[in-house]
């Protein structure tokens, strides 16, 4: 399909609502505190209930945990195999000719996670709604309630791109590489290890730099920071286009905001450490840095 921008405004979306090739999805997931004594970092709750309470007209719902994650691991949200993803995206009506628009409630990270997953499968027809449904409703635009209507099933054929997801051994090897910069997307207090971590040992992957996902989003409007601001933020941490970037966070979600902005800035060599601190902090054989 023809390439579109990876970012779409609420006004631009309003203009194409109802077009036959549009596939519009709410991607929201919630992370709630784990019960006392649990080794899990959080309880994953589907955003289906809030979708049914109000969504952009014509939208459907993508359940990241239920359909689009590997259920064979204790880690949440790990990228599953290609066949599972082809079947799931096909069930939701996405084909090579679809124009996909992704949004979420509160944080864009659930939308950017799906954008990154689709990109890794060779699909470039997805865009993230700038400001999400928060901006849409703030502007007084129409909202629909009720169950997802569903799109006609389609055939989704992946053309996987190598290297967009990496594991802990690749990351460990990259900690000493001059041509790689490892980027931590968590907040400064977690980067420095100043607060207890729900993932295990507090701290960060040695040598990683701090670019919190939250610093790339306007807290009030929920829109992405202007690219000029994002470029300055990355440059201040020594992130240059001649280097490979490995981004991570807690569970491989908020780091996709960093990757989304880097991609929009023209960075080419980008990858996500999918296990992130959910894996790294619990593995005592892996080094960790604080302070």
C-alpha atoms as a PDB file:
ATOM      1  CA  UNK A   1       0.000   0.000   0.000  1.00  0.00           C
ATOM      2  CA  UNK A   2       1.029   3.630  -0.349  1.00  0.00           C
ATOM      3  CA  UNK A   3       3.114   4.928   2.522  1.00  0.00           C
ATOM      4  CA  UNK A   4       1.512   7.330   4.960  1.00  0.00           C
ATOM      5  CA  UNK A   5       3.049   9.241   7.834  1.00  0.00           C
ATOM      6  CA  UNK A   6       3.542   7.211  11.007  1.00  0.00           C
ATOM      7  CA  UNK A   7       1.753   9.941  12.956  1.00  0.00           C
ATOM      8  CA  UNK A   8      -1.806  11.045  12.208  1.00  0.00           C
ATOM      9  CA  UNK A   9      -3.646  13.985  13.784  1.00  0.00           C
ATOM     10  CA  UNK A  10      -7.188  13.863  15.119  1.00  0.00           C
ATOM     11  CA  UNK A  11      -8.302  16.165  12.283  1.00  0.00           C
ATOM     12  CA  UNK A  12      -6.725  13.902   9.679  1.00  0.00           C
ATOM     13  CA  UNK A  13      -8.382  10.844  11.217  1.00  0.00           C
ATOM     14  CA  UNK A  14     -11.779  12.575  11.300  1.00  0.00           C
ATOM     15  CA  UNK A  15     -11.443  13.133   7.539  1.00  0.00           C
ATOM     16  CA  UNK A  16     -10.955   9.429   6.760  1.00  0.00           C
ATOM     17  CA  UNK A  17     -13.382   7.817   9.250  1.00  0.00           C
ATOM     18  CA  UNK A  18     -15.595   5.403   7.371  1.00  0.00           C
ATOM     19  CA  UNK A  19     -13.208   4.827   4.478  1.00  0.00           C
ATOM     20  CA  UNK A  20     -13.395   1.144   3.497  1.00  0.00           C
ATOM     21  CA  UNK A  21      -9.669   0.443   3.795  1.00  0.00           C
ATOM     22  CA  UNK A  22      -9.315   2.023   7.248  1.00  0.00           C
ATOM     23  CA  UNK A  23      -8.642  -0.271  10.190  1.00  0.00           C
ATOM     24  CA  UNK A  24      -8.877   1.755  13.405  1.00  0.00           C
ATOM     25  CA  UNK A  25      -7.954   0.153  16.735  1.00  0.00           C
ATOM     26  CA  UNK A  26      -7.941   0.954  20.436  1.00  0.00           C
ATOM     27  CA  UNK A  27      -4.867  -0.855  21.827  1.00  0.00           C
ATOM     28  CA  UNK A  28      -5.235   0.011  25.520  1.00  0.00           C
ATOM     29  CA  UNK A  29      -3.972  -2.259  28.294  1.00  0.00           C
ATOM     30  CA  UNK A  30      -3.807  -1.444  32.022  1.00  0.00           C
ATOM     31  CA  UNK A  31      -1.135  -2.492  34.506  1.00  0.00           C
ATOM     32  CA  UNK A  32      -2.492  -2.817  38.031  1.00  0.00           C
ATOM     33  CA  UNK A  33      -0.492  -3.491  41.223  1.00  0.00           C
ATOM     34  CA  UNK A  34       0.342  -7.130  41.817  1.00  0.00           C
ATOM     35  CA  UNK A  35      -1.084  -8.720  44.983  1.00  0.00           C
ATOM     36  CA  UNK A  36       1.175  -8.949  48.024  1.00  0.00           C
ATOM     37  CA  UNK A  37       3.612 -11.837  47.784  1.00  0.00           C
ATOM     38  CA  UNK A  38       3.344 -12.145  44.016  1.00  0.00           C
ATOM     39  CA  UNK A  39       6.541 -12.374  41.973  1.00  0.00           C
ATOM     40  CA  UNK A  40       4.790 -10.747  39.001  1.00  0.00           C
ATOM     41  CA  UNK A  41       5.588  -7.058  38.460  1.00  0.00           C
ATOM     42  CA  UNK A  42       1.933  -6.202  37.815  1.00  0.00           C
ATOM     43  CA  UNK A  43      -1.465  -7.599  36.879  1.00  0.00           C
ATOM     44  CA  UNK A  44      -2.340  -7.121  33.219  1.00  0.00           C
ATOM     45  CA  UNK A  45      -5.905  -5.936  32.584  1.00  0.00           C
ATOM     46  CA  UNK A  46      -7.398  -5.688  29.117  1.00  0.00           C
ATOM     47  CA  UNK A  47      -8.702  -2.302  28.028  1.00  0.00           C
ATOM     48  CA  UNK A  48     -11.799  -3.879  26.513  1.00  0.00           C
ATOM     49  CA  UNK A  49     -14.076  -2.519  29.244  1.00  0.00           C
ATOM     50  CA  UNK A  50     -13.028   1.094  28.681  1.00  0.00           C
ATOM     51  CA  UNK A  51     -13.234   0.514  24.925  1.00  0.00           C
ATOM     52  CA  UNK A  52     -16.861  -0.517  25.301  1.00  0.00           C
ATOM     53  CA  UNK A  53     -17.520   2.515  27.516  1.00  0.00           C
ATOM     54  CA  UNK A  54     -16.307   4.834  24.763  1.00  0.00           C
ATOM     55  CA  UNK A  55     -14.276   4.633  21.569  1.00  0.00           C
ATOM     56  CA  UNK A  56     -13.740   6.512  18.330  1.00  0.00           C
ATOM     57  CA  UNK A  57     -16.606   5.653  15.947  1.00  0.00           C
ATOM     58  CA  UNK A  58     -15.921   2.527  13.917  1.00  0.00           C
ATOM     59  CA  UNK A  59     -12.916   1.463  15.986  1.00  0.00           C
ATOM     60  CA  UNK A  60     -12.234  -2.099  17.020  1.00  0.00           C
ATOM     61  CA  UNK A  61     -10.114  -3.430  19.876  1.00  0.00           C
ATOM     62  CA  UNK A  62      -6.740  -5.212  19.945  1.00  0.00           C
ATOM     63  CA  UNK A  63      -5.974  -7.192  23.115  1.00  0.00           C
ATOM     64  CA  UNK A  64      -2.181  -7.259  23.403  1.00  0.00           C
ATOM     65  CA  UNK A  65      -1.983  -9.804  26.209  1.00  0.00           C
ATOM     66  CA  UNK A  66      -4.677 -12.177  24.972  1.00  0.00           C
ATOM     67  CA  UNK A  67      -3.904 -12.411  21.268  1.00  0.00           C
ATOM     68  CA  UNK A  68      -0.586 -10.749  20.466  1.00  0.00           C
ATOM     69  CA  UNK A  69       1.858 -11.981  23.149  1.00  0.00           C
ATOM     70  CA  UNK A  70       3.674 -15.245  23.809  1.00  0.00           C
ATOM     71  CA  UNK A  71       1.676 -17.137  26.446  1.00  0.00           C
ATOM     72  CA  UNK A  72       4.468 -19.670  27.030  1.00  0.00           C
ATOM     73  CA  UNK A  73       6.616 -17.334  29.130  1.00  0.00           C
ATOM     74  CA  UNK A  74       6.138 -15.711  32.523  1.00  0.00           C
ATOM     75  CA  UNK A  75       7.232 -12.411  30.975  1.00  0.00           C
ATOM     76  CA  UNK A  76       4.316 -10.324  29.777  1.00  0.00           C
ATOM     77  CA  UNK A  77       4.038  -9.028  26.204  1.00  0.00           C
ATOM     78  CA  UNK A  78       6.874 -11.022  24.641  1.00  0.00           C
ATOM     79  CA  UNK A  79       6.635 -11.058  20.844  1.00  0.00           C
ATOM     80  CA  UNK A  80       5.063 -14.380  19.772  1.00  0.00           C
ATOM     81  CA  UNK A  81       5.885 -16.330  16.635  1.00  0.00           C
ATOM     82  CA  UNK A  82       5.034 -14.970  13.221  1.00  0.00           C
ATOM     83  CA  UNK A  83       2.270 -17.521  12.523  1.00  0.00           C
ATOM     84  CA  UNK A  84       0.357 -16.459  15.652  1.00  0.00           C
ATOM     85  CA  UNK A  85       0.622 -12.804  14.642  1.00  0.00           C
ATOM     86  CA  UNK A  86      -0.392 -13.427  11.033  1.00  0.00           C
ATOM     87  CA  UNK A  87      -3.505 -15.250  12.239  1.00  0.00           C
ATOM     88  CA  UNK A  88      -4.376 -12.600  14.841  1.00  0.00           C
ATOM     89  CA  UNK A  89      -3.912  -9.561  12.592  1.00  0.00           C
ATOM     90  CA  UNK A  90      -5.802 -11.372   9.829  1.00  0.00           C
ATOM     91  CA  UNK A  91      -8.728 -12.057  12.188  1.00  0.00           C
ATOM     92  CA  UNK A  92      -8.898  -8.315  12.784  1.00  0.00           C
ATOM     93  CA  UNK A  93      -9.163  -7.536   9.088  1.00  0.00           C
ATOM     94  CA  UNK A  94      -5.641  -6.290   8.360  1.00  0.00           C
ATOM     95  CA  UNK A  95      -4.213  -7.066   4.925  1.00  0.00           C
ATOM     96  CA  UNK A  96      -1.428  -5.594   2.810  1.00  0.00           C
ATOM     97  CA  UNK A  97      -3.792  -2.894   1.515  1.00  0.00           C
ATOM     98  CA  UNK A  98      -5.147  -1.774   4.892  1.00  0.00           C
ATOM     99  CA  UNK A  99      -4.538   1.652   6.346  1.00  0.00           C
ATOM    100  CA  UNK A 100      -4.143   1.026  10.076  1.00  0.00           C
ATOM    101  CA  UNK A 101      -4.557   3.703  12.749  1.00  0.00           C
ATOM    102  CA  UNK A 102      -3.670   2.825  16.342  1.00  0.00           C
ATOM    103  CA  UNK A 103      -4.538   4.677  19.532  1.00  0.00           C
ATOM    104  CA  UNK A 104      -4.666   4.105  23.270  1.00  0.00           C
ATOM    105  CA  UNK A 105      -5.945   5.783  26.413  1.00  0.00           C
ATOM    106  CA  UNK A 106      -3.623   7.806  28.629  1.00  0.00           C
ATOM    107  CA  UNK A 107      -0.318   6.761  27.097  1.00  0.00           C
ATOM    108  CA  UNK A 108       0.614   6.268  23.461  1.00  0.00           C
ATOM    109  CA  UNK A 109       2.868   3.344  24.412  1.00  0.00           C
ATOM    110  CA  UNK A 110       0.278   0.646  23.714  1.00  0.00           C
ATOM    111  CA  UNK A 111      -0.282   2.088  20.242  1.00  0.00           C
ATOM    112  CA  UNK A 112       3.450   2.434  19.536  1.00  0.00           C
ATOM    113  CA  UNK A 113       4.002  -1.162  20.677  1.00  0.00           C
ATOM    114  CA  UNK A 114       1.580  -2.396  18.028  1.00  0.00           C
ATOM    115  CA  UNK A 115       3.158  -0.035  15.489  1.00  0.00           C
ATOM    116  CA  UNK A 116       6.595  -1.531  16.251  1.00  0.00           C
ATOM    117  CA  UNK A 117       5.262  -5.092  16.049  1.00  0.00           C
ATOM    118  CA  UNK A 118       3.651  -4.405  12.660  1.00  0.00           C
ATOM    119  CA  UNK A 119       6.836  -2.736  11.437  1.00  0.00           C
ATOM    120  CA  UNK A 120       8.856  -5.796  12.476  1.00  0.00           C
ATOM    121  CA  UNK A 121       6.507  -7.906  10.345  1.00  0.00           C
ATOM    122  CA  UNK A 122       7.204  -5.750   7.286  1.00  0.00           C
ATOM    123  CA  UNK A 123       3.937  -3.786   7.443  1.00  0.00           C
ATOM    124  CA  UNK A 124       4.434  -0.056   6.942  1.00  0.00           C
ATOM    125  CA  UNK A 125       0.811   1.057   6.631  1.00  0.00           C
ATOM    126  CA  UNK A 126       0.263   1.802  10.340  1.00  0.00           C
ATOM    127  CA  UNK A 127       0.034   5.195  12.012  1.00  0.00           C
ATOM    128  CA  UNK A 128      -0.320   6.272  15.635  1.00  0.00           C
ATOM    129  CA  UNK A 129      -3.004   8.817  16.537  1.00  0.00           C
ATOM    130  CA  UNK A 130      -1.287  11.882  18.009  1.00  0.00           C
ATOM    131  CA  UNK A 131      -2.798  12.522  21.434  1.00  0.00           C
ATOM    132  CA  UNK A 132      -4.882   9.352  21.270  1.00  0.00           C
ATOM    133  CA  UNK A 133      -8.490   9.277  22.331  1.00  0.00           C
ATOM    134  CA  UNK A 134      -7.649  11.787  25.095  1.00  0.00           C
ATOM    135  CA  UNK A 135      -7.119  14.537  22.518  1.00  0.00           C
ATOM    136  CA  UNK A 136     -10.049  13.300  20.420  1.00  0.00           C
ATOM    137  CA  UNK A 137     -12.479  13.650  23.332  1.00  0.00           C
ATOM    138  CA  UNK A 138     -10.922  16.935  24.520  1.00  0.00           C
ATOM    139  CA  UNK A 139     -11.826  18.351  21.123  1.00  0.00           C
ATOM    140  CA  UNK A 140     -15.447  17.319  21.580  1.00  0.00           C
ATOM    141  CA  UNK A 141     -15.414  14.777  18.763  1.00  0.00           C
ATOM    142  CA  UNK A 142     -17.934  11.947  18.530  1.00  0.00           C
ATOM    143  CA  UNK A 143     -17.618   8.867  20.715  1.00  0.00           C
ATOM    144  CA  UNK A 144     -19.308   5.504  20.249  1.00  0.00           C
ATOM    145  CA  UNK A 145     -20.095   2.924  22.944  1.00  0.00           C
ATOM    146  CA  UNK A 146     -20.662  -0.812  22.906  1.00  0.00           C
ATOM    147  CA  UNK A 147     -18.990  -3.922  21.585  1.00  0.00           C
ATOM    148  CA  UNK A 148     -16.485  -3.960  18.747  1.00  0.00           C
ATOM    149  CA  UNK A 149     -18.223  -4.463  15.424  1.00  0.00           C
ATOM    150  CA  UNK A 150     -15.335  -6.370  13.893  1.00  0.00           C
ATOM    151  CA  UNK A 151     -13.786  -5.985  10.449  1.00  0.00           C
ATOM    152  CA  UNK A 152     -14.113  -8.666   7.773  1.00  0.00           C
ATOM    153  CA  UNK A 153     -11.326 -11.245   8.213  1.00  0.00           C
ATOM    154  CA  UNK A 154      -8.372 -10.832   5.856  1.00  0.00           C
ATOM    155  CA  UNK A 155      -5.108 -12.516   4.972  1.00  0.00           C
ATOM    156  CA  UNK A 156      -2.137 -10.935   6.720  1.00  0.00           C
ATOM    157  CA  UNK A 157       1.148 -12.080   5.214  1.00  0.00           C
ATOM    158  CA  UNK A 158       4.237 -11.062   7.185  1.00  0.00           C
ATOM    159  CA  UNK A 159       7.557 -10.121   5.642  1.00  0.00           C
ATOM    160  CA  UNK A 160       9.610 -10.114   8.847  1.00  0.00           C
ATOM    161  CA  UNK A 161      12.472  -7.667   9.239  1.00  0.00           C
ATOM    162  CA  UNK A 162      15.481  -9.073  11.050  1.00  0.00           C
ATOM    163  CA  UNK A 163      16.890  -7.453  14.160  1.00  0.00           C
ATOM    164  CA  UNK A 164      13.983  -5.350  15.427  1.00  0.00           C
ATOM    165  CA  UNK A 165      13.769  -7.491  18.585  1.00  0.00           C
ATOM    166  CA  UNK A 166      16.779  -8.772  20.542  1.00  0.00           C
ATOM    167  CA  UNK A 167      17.313 -10.959  23.580  1.00  0.00           C
ATOM    168  CA  UNK A 168      19.434 -10.586  26.699  1.00  0.00           C
ATOM    169  CA  UNK A 169      22.575 -12.193  25.243  1.00  0.00           C
ATOM    170  CA  UNK A 170      22.628  -9.692  22.363  1.00  0.00           C
ATOM    171  CA  UNK A 171      22.136  -6.847  24.839  1.00  0.00           C
ATOM    172  CA  UNK A 172      24.909  -8.098  27.109  1.00  0.00           C
ATOM    173  CA  UNK A 173      27.263  -8.241  24.133  1.00  0.00           C
ATOM    174  CA  UNK A 174      26.214  -4.722  23.135  1.00  0.00           C
ATOM    175  CA  UNK A 175      27.106  -3.224  26.533  1.00  0.00           C
ATOM    176  CA  UNK A 176      30.746  -3.071  25.475  1.00  0.00           C
ATOM    177  CA  UNK A 177      30.243  -2.080  21.849  1.00  0.00           C
ATOM    178  CA  UNK A 178      31.408   1.383  20.748  1.00  0.00           C
ATOM    179  CA  UNK A 179      28.951   1.450  17.854  1.00  0.00           C
ATOM    180  CA  UNK A 180      25.869   0.820  20.037  1.00  0.00           C
ATOM    181  CA  UNK A 181      23.985   2.969  22.521  1.00  0.00           C
ATOM    182  CA  UNK A 182      21.549   1.325  24.935  1.00  0.00           C
ATOM    183  CA  UNK A 183      18.606   3.538  25.879  1.00  0.00           C
ATOM    184  CA  UNK A 184      16.539   3.204  29.063  1.00  0.00           C
ATOM    185  CA  UNK A 185      12.998   4.598  28.637  1.00  0.00           C
ATOM    186  CA  UNK A 186      11.957   4.353  32.301  1.00  0.00           C
ATOM    187  CA  UNK A 187      11.765   7.343  34.620  1.00  0.00           C
ATOM    188  CA  UNK A 188      14.973   8.798  36.108  1.00  0.00           C
ATOM    189  CA  UNK A 189      14.377   7.335  39.557  1.00  0.00           C
ATOM    190  CA  UNK A 190      14.212   3.809  38.130  1.00  0.00           C
ATOM    191  CA  UNK A 191      17.138   4.422  35.789  1.00  0.00           C
ATOM    192  CA  UNK A 192      19.266   5.448  38.782  1.00  0.00           C
ATOM    193  CA  UNK A 193      17.962   2.621  40.965  1.00  0.00           C
ATOM    194  CA  UNK A 194      16.770   5.076  43.610  1.00  0.00           C
ATOM    195  CA  UNK A 195      13.396   3.397  44.104  1.00  0.00           C
ATOM    196  CA  UNK A 196      12.518  -0.267  44.606  1.00  0.00           C
ATOM    197  CA  UNK A 197      11.837  -1.885  41.266  1.00  0.00           C
ATOM    198  CA  UNK A 198       8.789  -4.021  40.675  1.00  0.00           C
ATOM    199  CA  UNK A 199      10.911  -6.006  38.230  1.00  0.00           C
ATOM    200  CA  UNK A 200      13.534  -7.252  40.707  1.00  0.00           C
ATOM    201  CA  UNK A 201      16.970  -5.715  41.312  1.00  0.00           C
ATOM    202  CA  UNK A 202      16.869  -1.906  41.047  1.00  0.00           C
ATOM    203  CA  UNK A 203      19.091  -0.209  38.515  1.00  0.00           C
ATOM    204  CA  UNK A 204      19.837  -0.290  34.805  1.00  0.00           C
ATOM    205  CA  UNK A 205      21.727  -2.186  32.159  1.00  0.00           C
ATOM    206  CA  UNK A 206      25.376  -1.052  32.503  1.00  0.00           C
ATOM    207  CA  UNK A 207      26.334   1.815  30.231  1.00  0.00           C
ATOM    208  CA  UNK A 208      22.778   2.625  29.203  1.00  0.00           C
ATOM    209  CA  UNK A 209      21.649   6.231  28.859  1.00  0.00           C
ATOM    210  CA  UNK A 210      18.383   7.758  30.089  1.00  0.00           C
ATOM    211  CA  UNK A 211      15.694   9.027  27.709  1.00  0.00           C
ATOM    212  CA  UNK A 212      12.402   8.560  29.589  1.00  0.00           C
ATOM    213  CA  UNK A 213       9.472   7.879  27.276  1.00  0.00           C
ATOM    214  CA  UNK A 214       7.536  10.485  29.250  1.00  0.00           C
ATOM    215  CA  UNK A 215      10.028  13.161  28.162  1.00  0.00           C
ATOM    216  CA  UNK A 216       9.001  12.589  24.542  1.00  0.00           C
ATOM    217  CA  UNK A 217       5.289  13.253  25.181  1.00  0.00           C
ATOM    218  CA  UNK A 218       3.503  16.442  26.227  1.00  0.00           C
ATOM    219  CA  UNK A 219       1.942  15.542  29.596  1.00  0.00           C
ATOM    220  CA  UNK A 220      -1.058  17.820  29.143  1.00  0.00           C
ATOM    221  CA  UNK A 221      -2.111  17.159  25.547  1.00  0.00           C
ATOM    222  CA  UNK A 222      -0.728  13.578  25.309  1.00  0.00           C
ATOM    223  CA  UNK A 223       0.738  14.524  21.916  1.00  0.00           C
ATOM    224  CA  UNK A 224       4.280  13.701  20.850  1.00  0.00           C
ATOM    225  CA  UNK A 225       6.938  16.317  21.489  1.00  0.00           C
ATOM    226  CA  UNK A 226       7.987  18.221  18.350  1.00  0.00           C
ATOM    227  CA  UNK A 227      10.734  16.416  16.466  1.00  0.00           C
ATOM    228  CA  UNK A 228      13.152  19.302  17.068  1.00  0.00           C
ATOM    229  CA  UNK A 229      12.755  18.820  20.824  1.00  0.00           C
ATOM    230  CA  UNK A 230      13.043  15.042  20.560  1.00  0.00           C
ATOM    231  CA  UNK A 231      16.194  15.377  18.454  1.00  0.00           C
ATOM    232  CA  UNK A 232      17.791  17.587  21.106  1.00  0.00           C
ATOM    233  CA  UNK A 233      16.801  15.143  23.866  1.00  0.00           C
ATOM    234  CA  UNK A 234      18.437  12.207  22.073  1.00  0.00           C
ATOM    235  CA  UNK A 235      21.508  14.207  21.050  1.00  0.00           C
ATOM    236  CA  UNK A 236      22.097  15.248  24.657  1.00  0.00           C
ATOM    237  CA  UNK A 237      22.553  11.547  25.498  1.00  0.00           C
ATOM    238  CA  UNK A 238      25.024  10.915  22.690  1.00  0.00           C
ATOM    239  CA  UNK A 239      22.528   9.100  20.479  1.00  0.00           C
ATOM    240  CA  UNK A 240      23.672   9.676  16.899  1.00  0.00           C
ATOM    241  CA  UNK A 241      22.530   8.199  13.596  1.00  0.00           C
ATOM    242  CA  UNK A 242      25.801   6.352  13.040  1.00  0.00           C
ATOM    243  CA  UNK A 243      25.119   4.150  16.078  1.00  0.00           C
ATOM    244  CA  UNK A 244      22.898   1.178  16.623  1.00  0.00           C
ATOM    245  CA  UNK A 245      20.224   1.897  19.247  1.00  0.00           C
ATOM    246  CA  UNK A 246      18.921  -0.766  21.636  1.00  0.00           C
ATOM    247  CA  UNK A 247      15.928   0.513  23.618  1.00  0.00           C
ATOM    248  CA  UNK A 248      14.440  -1.069  26.730  1.00  0.00           C
ATOM    249  CA  UNK A 249      12.092  -0.297  29.612  1.00  0.00           C
ATOM    250  CA  UNK A 250      10.235  -2.541  32.043  1.00  0.00           C
ATOM    251  CA  UNK A 251       8.291  -4.797  29.723  1.00  0.00           C
ATOM    252  CA  UNK A 252       9.099  -3.720  26.176  1.00  0.00           C
ATOM    253  CA  UNK A 253       6.216  -1.253  25.905  1.00  0.00           C
ATOM    254  CA  UNK A 254       7.190   2.328  26.799  1.00  0.00           C
ATOM    255  CA  UNK A 255      10.535   1.948  24.984  1.00  0.00           C
ATOM    256  CA  UNK A 256       8.572   1.822  21.734  1.00  0.00           C
ATOM    257  CA  UNK A 257       7.807   5.545  22.246  1.00  0.00           C
ATOM    258  CA  UNK A 258      11.558   6.208  22.043  1.00  0.00           C
ATOM    259  CA  UNK A 259      11.827   3.966  18.979  1.00  0.00           C
ATOM    260  CA  UNK A 260       8.840   5.661  17.333  1.00  0.00           C
ATOM    261  CA  UNK A 261      10.387   9.108  17.735  1.00  0.00           C
ATOM    262  CA  UNK A 262      13.838   7.884  16.626  1.00  0.00           C
ATOM    263  CA  UNK A 263      12.306   6.326  13.517  1.00  0.00           C
ATOM    264  CA  UNK A 264      10.499   9.575  12.713  1.00  0.00           C
ATOM    265  CA  UNK A 265      13.841  11.371  13.080  1.00  0.00           C
ATOM    266  CA  UNK A 266      15.391   9.106  10.446  1.00  0.00           C
ATOM    267  CA  UNK A 267      17.356   6.695  12.629  1.00  0.00           C
ATOM    268  CA  UNK A 268      17.694   3.372  10.827  1.00  0.00           C
ATOM    269  CA  UNK A 269      19.427   0.885  13.138  1.00  0.00           C
ATOM    270  CA  UNK A 270      16.849   0.470  15.886  1.00  0.00           C
ATOM    271  CA  UNK A 271      15.987  -2.522  18.036  1.00  0.00           C
ATOM    272  CA  UNK A 272      13.925  -3.357  21.110  1.00  0.00           C
ATOM    273  CA  UNK A 273      15.090  -5.532  23.990  1.00  0.00           C
ATOM    274  CA  UNK A 274      11.770  -7.300  24.400  1.00  0.00           C
ATOM    275  CA  UNK A 275      12.422  -8.847  27.827  1.00  0.00           C
ATOM    276  CA  UNK A 276      13.630  -5.500  29.215  1.00  0.00           C
ATOM    277  CA  UNK A 277      13.981  -5.143  33.001  1.00  0.00           C
ATOM    278  CA  UNK A 278      11.271  -7.744  33.552  1.00  0.00           C
ATOM    279  CA  UNK A 279      13.879 -10.276  32.433  1.00  0.00           C
ATOM    280  CA  UNK A 280      17.194  -8.526  33.157  1.00  0.00           C
ATOM    281  CA  UNK A 281      16.541  -7.551  36.784  1.00  0.00           C
ATOM    282  CA  UNK A 282      15.596 -11.111  37.791  1.00  0.00           C
ATOM    283  CA  UNK A 283      18.640 -12.778  36.196  1.00  0.00           C
ATOM    284  CA  UNK A 284      21.431 -12.573  38.775  1.00  0.00           C
ATOM    285  CA  UNK A 285      23.995 -13.603  36.137  1.00  0.00           C
ATOM    286  CA  UNK A 286      23.465 -10.275  34.338  1.00  0.00           C
ATOM    287  CA  UNK A 287      25.266  -7.130  35.537  1.00  0.00           C
ATOM    288  CA  UNK A 288      23.329  -4.138  36.837  1.00  0.00           C
ATOM    289  CA  UNK A 289      24.325  -0.536  37.535  1.00  0.00           C
ATOM    290  CA  UNK A 290      22.921   1.984  40.013  1.00  0.00           C
ATOM    291  CA  UNK A 291      23.540   5.611  40.862  1.00  0.00           C
END
